[in-house]
């Protein structure tokens, strides 16, 4: 299952705390990328927050995997997780068209 993860900074976070854990955060994000859990990583253009595209069995597993990130474990950030499914619209269009032929 593909999941969009939208980062939210939590009130306890400060630039100093982020700096303290930034190297270990980057290393763990790299490990999760190498494992195929994080498929894509972005920063929003309009604000300083990350958007991740994840590959996971389900939302529960995604939450567990994200706990490996130091920023999450330390309560600096959380993620809104949005599960995705394939778009079915094209098949509806093509099935209707093939019946008319």
N, C-alpha and C. Protein backbone atom coordinates (compact mmCIF):
# COMPACT_ATOMS: atom_id res chain seq x y z
N UNK A 1 0.84 -1.17 0.00
CA UNK A 1 0.00 0.00 0.00
C UNK A 1 0.89 1.24 0.00
N UNK A 2 0.53 2.19 -0.84
CA UNK A 2 1.21 3.48 -0.83
C UNK A 2 0.51 4.39 0.17
N UNK A 3 1.33 5.15 0.88
CA UNK A 3 0.83 6.05 1.91
C UNK A 3 1.56 7.38 1.78
N UNK A 4 0.81 8.47 1.83
CA UNK A 4 1.41 9.79 1.89
C UNK A 4 1.54 10.15 3.37
N UNK A 5 2.73 10.58 3.77
CA UNK A 5 2.98 10.99 5.16
C UNK A 5 3.32 12.48 5.15
N UNK A 6 2.49 13.27 5.83
CA UNK A 6 2.69 14.71 5.90
C UNK A 6 3.19 15.06 7.30
N UNK A 7 4.38 15.63 7.35
CA UNK A 7 5.01 15.97 8.63
C UNK A 7 4.32 17.15 9.29
N UNK A 8 4.21 17.06 10.61
CA UNK A 8 3.70 18.17 11.42
C UNK A 8 4.69 18.39 12.55
N UNK A 9 5.18 19.61 12.69
CA UNK A 9 6.08 19.95 13.78
C UNK A 9 5.26 20.09 15.06
N UNK A 10 5.77 19.52 16.15
CA UNK A 10 5.07 19.54 17.42
C UNK A 10 5.58 20.68 18.32
N UNK A 11 4.78 21.12 19.27
CA UNK A 11 5.13 22.28 20.10
C UNK A 11 6.47 22.16 20.84
N UNK A 12 6.89 20.97 21.21
CA UNK A 12 8.13 20.79 21.97
C UNK A 12 9.39 21.02 21.14
N UNK A 13 9.24 21.18 19.85
CA UNK A 13 10.41 21.28 18.98
C UNK A 13 11.00 22.69 18.99
N UNK A 14 12.34 22.71 18.93
CA UNK A 14 13.09 23.97 18.80
C UNK A 14 14.21 23.74 17.80
N UNK A 15 14.72 24.78 17.18
CA UNK A 15 15.83 24.60 16.23
C UNK A 15 17.03 23.89 16.87
N UNK A 16 17.30 24.16 18.13
CA UNK A 16 18.44 23.54 18.81
C UNK A 16 18.25 22.02 18.93
N UNK A 17 17.05 21.61 19.28
CA UNK A 17 16.79 20.17 19.41
C UNK A 17 16.85 19.50 18.04
N UNK A 18 16.28 20.14 17.02
CA UNK A 18 16.37 19.57 15.67
C UNK A 18 17.82 19.39 15.26
N UNK A 19 18.64 20.39 15.54
CA UNK A 19 20.05 20.32 15.16
C UNK A 19 20.75 19.16 15.86
N UNK A 20 20.42 18.95 17.12
CA UNK A 20 21.03 17.88 17.91
C UNK A 20 20.80 16.51 17.29
N UNK A 21 19.62 16.28 16.71
CA UNK A 21 19.26 14.97 16.18
C UNK A 21 19.25 14.90 14.66
N UNK A 22 19.64 15.96 13.97
CA UNK A 22 19.49 16.00 12.51
C UNK A 22 20.34 14.95 11.79
N UNK A 23 21.55 14.71 12.27
CA UNK A 23 22.39 13.72 11.59
C UNK A 23 21.82 12.31 11.76
N UNK A 24 21.40 11.96 12.96
CA UNK A 24 20.82 10.63 13.16
C UNK A 24 19.48 10.49 12.44
N UNK A 25 18.73 11.59 12.33
CA UNK A 25 17.47 11.58 11.56
C UNK A 25 17.74 11.28 10.09
N UNK A 26 18.73 11.97 9.53
CA UNK A 26 19.07 11.76 8.12
C UNK A 26 19.54 10.33 7.88
N UNK A 27 20.34 9.80 8.79
CA UNK A 27 20.83 8.43 8.64
C UNK A 27 19.69 7.42 8.68
N UNK A 28 18.77 7.60 9.61
CA UNK A 28 17.65 6.65 9.69
C UNK A 28 16.70 6.79 8.51
N UNK A 29 16.49 8.02 8.03
CA UNK A 29 15.67 8.21 6.83
C UNK A 29 16.33 7.51 5.64
N UNK A 30 17.64 7.61 5.55
CA UNK A 30 18.38 6.92 4.47
C UNK A 30 18.20 5.40 4.60
N UNK A 31 18.29 4.88 5.82
CA UNK A 31 18.10 3.44 6.03
C UNK A 31 16.70 3.01 5.61
N UNK A 32 15.69 3.78 5.99
CA UNK A 32 14.32 3.45 5.61
C UNK A 32 14.12 3.54 4.09
N UNK A 33 14.82 4.46 3.46
CA UNK A 33 14.78 4.56 1.99
C UNK A 33 15.43 3.33 1.37
N UNK A 34 16.57 2.93 1.88
CA UNK A 34 17.28 1.76 1.35
C UNK A 34 16.46 0.47 1.53
N UNK A 35 15.66 0.42 2.58
CA UNK A 35 14.80 -0.75 2.84
C UNK A 35 13.55 -0.76 1.96
N UNK A 36 13.28 0.32 1.24
CA UNK A 36 12.11 0.39 0.38
C UNK A 36 10.85 0.88 1.08
N UNK A 37 10.97 1.28 2.34
CA UNK A 37 9.81 1.81 3.06
C UNK A 37 9.52 3.25 2.63
N UNK A 38 10.53 4.09 2.66
CA UNK A 38 10.38 5.44 2.10
C UNK A 38 10.70 5.34 0.62
N UNK A 39 9.73 5.65 -0.22
CA UNK A 39 9.92 5.58 -1.68
C UNK A 39 10.35 6.91 -2.27
N UNK A 40 9.79 8.00 -1.70
CA UNK A 40 10.11 9.34 -2.18
C UNK A 40 10.09 10.28 -0.99
N UNK A 41 10.93 11.32 -1.04
CA UNK A 41 10.99 12.33 0.02
C UNK A 41 10.99 13.71 -0.61
N UNK A 42 10.21 14.60 -0.04
CA UNK A 42 10.10 15.96 -0.54
C UNK A 42 10.03 16.93 0.63
N UNK A 43 10.34 18.19 0.36
CA UNK A 43 9.98 19.29 1.26
C UNK A 43 8.93 20.11 0.56
N UNK A 44 7.97 20.59 1.30
CA UNK A 44 6.97 21.48 0.72
C UNK A 44 7.64 22.76 0.28
N UNK A 45 7.20 23.32 -0.82
CA UNK A 45 7.76 24.57 -1.33
C UNK A 45 7.26 25.77 -0.54
N UNK A 46 6.10 25.63 0.10
CA UNK A 46 5.48 26.77 0.79
C UNK A 46 5.74 26.82 2.29
N UNK A 47 6.37 25.78 2.84
CA UNK A 47 6.70 25.77 4.27
C UNK A 47 7.73 24.69 4.54
N UNK A 48 8.32 24.73 5.71
CA UNK A 48 9.37 23.78 6.04
C UNK A 48 8.79 22.52 6.68
N UNK A 49 8.30 21.64 5.86
CA UNK A 49 7.83 20.34 6.35
C UNK A 49 8.01 19.30 5.26
N UNK A 50 8.21 18.08 5.70
CA UNK A 50 8.49 16.98 4.78
C UNK A 50 7.21 16.29 4.34
N UNK A 51 7.25 15.79 3.13
CA UNK A 51 6.21 14.92 2.59
C UNK A 51 6.90 13.65 2.15
N UNK A 52 6.46 12.51 2.67
CA UNK A 52 7.06 11.23 2.32
C UNK A 52 6.03 10.38 1.59
N UNK A 53 6.50 9.63 0.61
CA UNK A 53 5.69 8.60 -0.02
C UNK A 53 6.23 7.28 0.51
N UNK A 54 5.36 6.52 1.19
CA UNK A 54 5.77 5.30 1.85
C UNK A 54 5.19 4.08 1.15
N UNK A 55 5.83 2.95 1.32
CA UNK A 55 5.31 1.66 0.87
C UNK A 55 5.23 0.78 2.11
N UNK A 56 4.01 0.37 2.48
CA UNK A 56 3.80 -0.37 3.71
C UNK A 56 2.59 -1.28 3.57
N UNK A 57 2.53 -2.29 4.41
CA UNK A 57 1.37 -3.20 4.39
C UNK A 57 0.09 -2.49 4.81
N UNK A 58 0.22 -1.57 5.79
CA UNK A 58 -0.95 -0.88 6.30
C UNK A 58 -0.50 0.33 7.12
N UNK A 59 -1.46 1.10 7.61
CA UNK A 59 -1.18 2.31 8.38
C UNK A 59 -0.45 1.97 9.68
N UNK A 60 -0.86 0.89 10.34
CA UNK A 60 -0.21 0.50 11.59
C UNK A 60 1.26 0.22 11.42
N UNK A 61 1.60 -0.53 10.38
CA UNK A 61 3.00 -0.82 10.11
C UNK A 61 3.76 0.48 9.78
N UNK A 62 3.14 1.36 9.02
CA UNK A 62 3.78 2.64 8.68
C UNK A 62 4.08 3.44 9.94
N UNK A 63 3.13 3.50 10.86
CA UNK A 63 3.36 4.20 12.13
C UNK A 63 4.52 3.60 12.90
N UNK A 64 4.59 2.28 12.94
CA UNK A 64 5.68 1.60 13.63
C UNK A 64 7.02 1.92 13.00
N UNK A 65 7.09 1.88 11.68
CA UNK A 65 8.35 2.17 10.98
C UNK A 65 8.77 3.62 11.19
N UNK A 66 7.83 4.55 11.18
CA UNK A 66 8.17 5.96 11.37
C UNK A 66 8.71 6.23 12.78
N UNK A 67 8.39 5.37 13.74
CA UNK A 67 8.92 5.52 15.10
C UNK A 67 10.44 5.33 15.14
N UNK A 68 11.00 4.79 14.09
CA UNK A 68 12.46 4.65 14.02
C UNK A 68 13.16 6.00 13.82
N UNK A 69 12.43 6.98 13.33
CA UNK A 69 13.02 8.30 13.10
C UNK A 69 13.22 9.02 14.43
N UNK A 70 14.43 9.50 14.71
CA UNK A 70 14.68 10.19 15.98
C UNK A 70 13.75 11.38 16.24
N UNK A 71 13.42 12.15 15.21
CA UNK A 71 12.52 13.30 15.41
C UNK A 71 11.15 12.84 15.91
N UNK A 72 10.68 11.69 15.42
CA UNK A 72 9.39 11.15 15.86
C UNK A 72 9.53 10.62 17.30
N UNK A 73 10.56 9.83 17.55
CA UNK A 73 10.77 9.25 18.89
C UNK A 73 10.91 10.31 19.96
N UNK A 74 11.54 11.44 19.63
CA UNK A 74 11.76 12.51 20.60
C UNK A 74 10.58 13.46 20.73
N UNK A 75 9.50 13.21 19.96
CA UNK A 75 8.31 14.05 20.05
C UNK A 75 8.45 15.40 19.37
N UNK A 76 9.35 15.50 18.39
CA UNK A 76 9.53 16.76 17.68
C UNK A 76 8.58 16.90 16.50
N UNK A 77 8.25 15.78 15.88
CA UNK A 77 7.34 15.78 14.73
C UNK A 77 6.39 14.59 14.83
N UNK A 78 5.31 14.69 14.09
CA UNK A 78 4.40 13.57 13.88
C UNK A 78 4.05 13.58 12.40
N UNK A 79 3.34 12.58 11.97
CA UNK A 79 2.93 12.50 10.57
C UNK A 79 1.43 12.23 10.47
N UNK A 80 0.79 12.94 9.57
CA UNK A 80 -0.56 12.57 9.14
C UNK A 80 -0.37 11.55 8.04
N UNK A 81 -0.99 10.38 8.18
CA UNK A 81 -0.84 9.31 7.19
C UNK A 81 -2.12 9.18 6.37
N UNK A 82 -1.94 9.20 5.05
CA UNK A 82 -3.07 9.11 4.13
C UNK A 82 -2.87 7.90 3.23
N UNK A 83 -3.69 6.84 3.40
CA UNK A 83 -3.55 5.67 2.55
C UNK A 83 -4.09 5.95 1.14
N UNK A 84 -3.43 5.38 0.17
CA UNK A 84 -3.84 5.56 -1.23
C UNK A 84 -4.26 4.23 -1.83
N UNK A 85 -5.11 4.31 -2.83
CA UNK A 85 -5.48 3.12 -3.60
C UNK A 85 -5.47 3.50 -5.07
N UNK A 86 -5.37 2.53 -5.95
CA UNK A 86 -5.34 2.85 -7.38
C UNK A 86 -6.62 3.57 -7.83
N UNK A 87 -6.46 4.46 -8.75
CA UNK A 87 -7.58 5.19 -9.32
C UNK A 87 -8.37 4.26 -10.26
N UNK A 88 -9.68 4.06 -10.02
CA UNK A 88 -10.46 3.12 -10.84
C UNK A 88 -11.16 3.78 -12.03
N UNK A 89 -11.04 5.08 -12.18
CA UNK A 89 -11.82 5.81 -13.17
C UNK A 89 -11.60 5.38 -14.61
N UNK A 90 -10.36 5.08 -14.97
CA UNK A 90 -10.10 4.70 -16.36
C UNK A 90 -10.80 3.40 -16.73
N UNK A 91 -10.79 2.42 -15.82
CA UNK A 91 -11.44 1.15 -16.14
C UNK A 91 -12.94 1.34 -16.35
N UNK A 92 -13.55 2.24 -15.58
CA UNK A 92 -14.98 2.50 -15.79
C UNK A 92 -15.21 3.10 -17.18
N UNK A 93 -14.34 3.99 -17.60
CA UNK A 93 -14.49 4.60 -18.92
C UNK A 93 -14.29 3.58 -20.03
N UNK A 94 -13.26 2.77 -19.91
CA UNK A 94 -12.95 1.82 -20.98
C UNK A 94 -13.96 0.68 -21.04
N UNK A 95 -14.49 0.25 -19.88
CA UNK A 95 -15.51 -0.79 -19.88
C UNK A 95 -16.77 -0.27 -20.55
N UNK A 96 -17.14 0.97 -20.27
CA UNK A 96 -18.34 1.55 -20.90
C UNK A 96 -18.14 1.69 -22.40
N UNK A 97 -16.95 2.05 -22.81
CA UNK A 97 -16.67 2.21 -24.24
C UNK A 97 -16.69 0.87 -24.95
N UNK A 98 -16.14 -0.19 -24.37
CA UNK A 98 -16.09 -1.48 -25.03
C UNK A 98 -17.47 -2.09 -25.16
N UNK A 99 -18.38 -1.78 -24.24
CA UNK A 99 -19.76 -2.29 -24.34
C UNK A 99 -20.50 -1.62 -25.49
N UNK A 100 -20.13 -0.37 -25.80
CA UNK A 100 -20.80 0.35 -26.88
C UNK A 100 -20.31 -0.05 -28.25
N UNK A 101 -19.14 -0.71 -28.31
CA UNK A 101 -18.57 -1.09 -29.63
C UNK A 101 -19.30 -2.23 -30.28
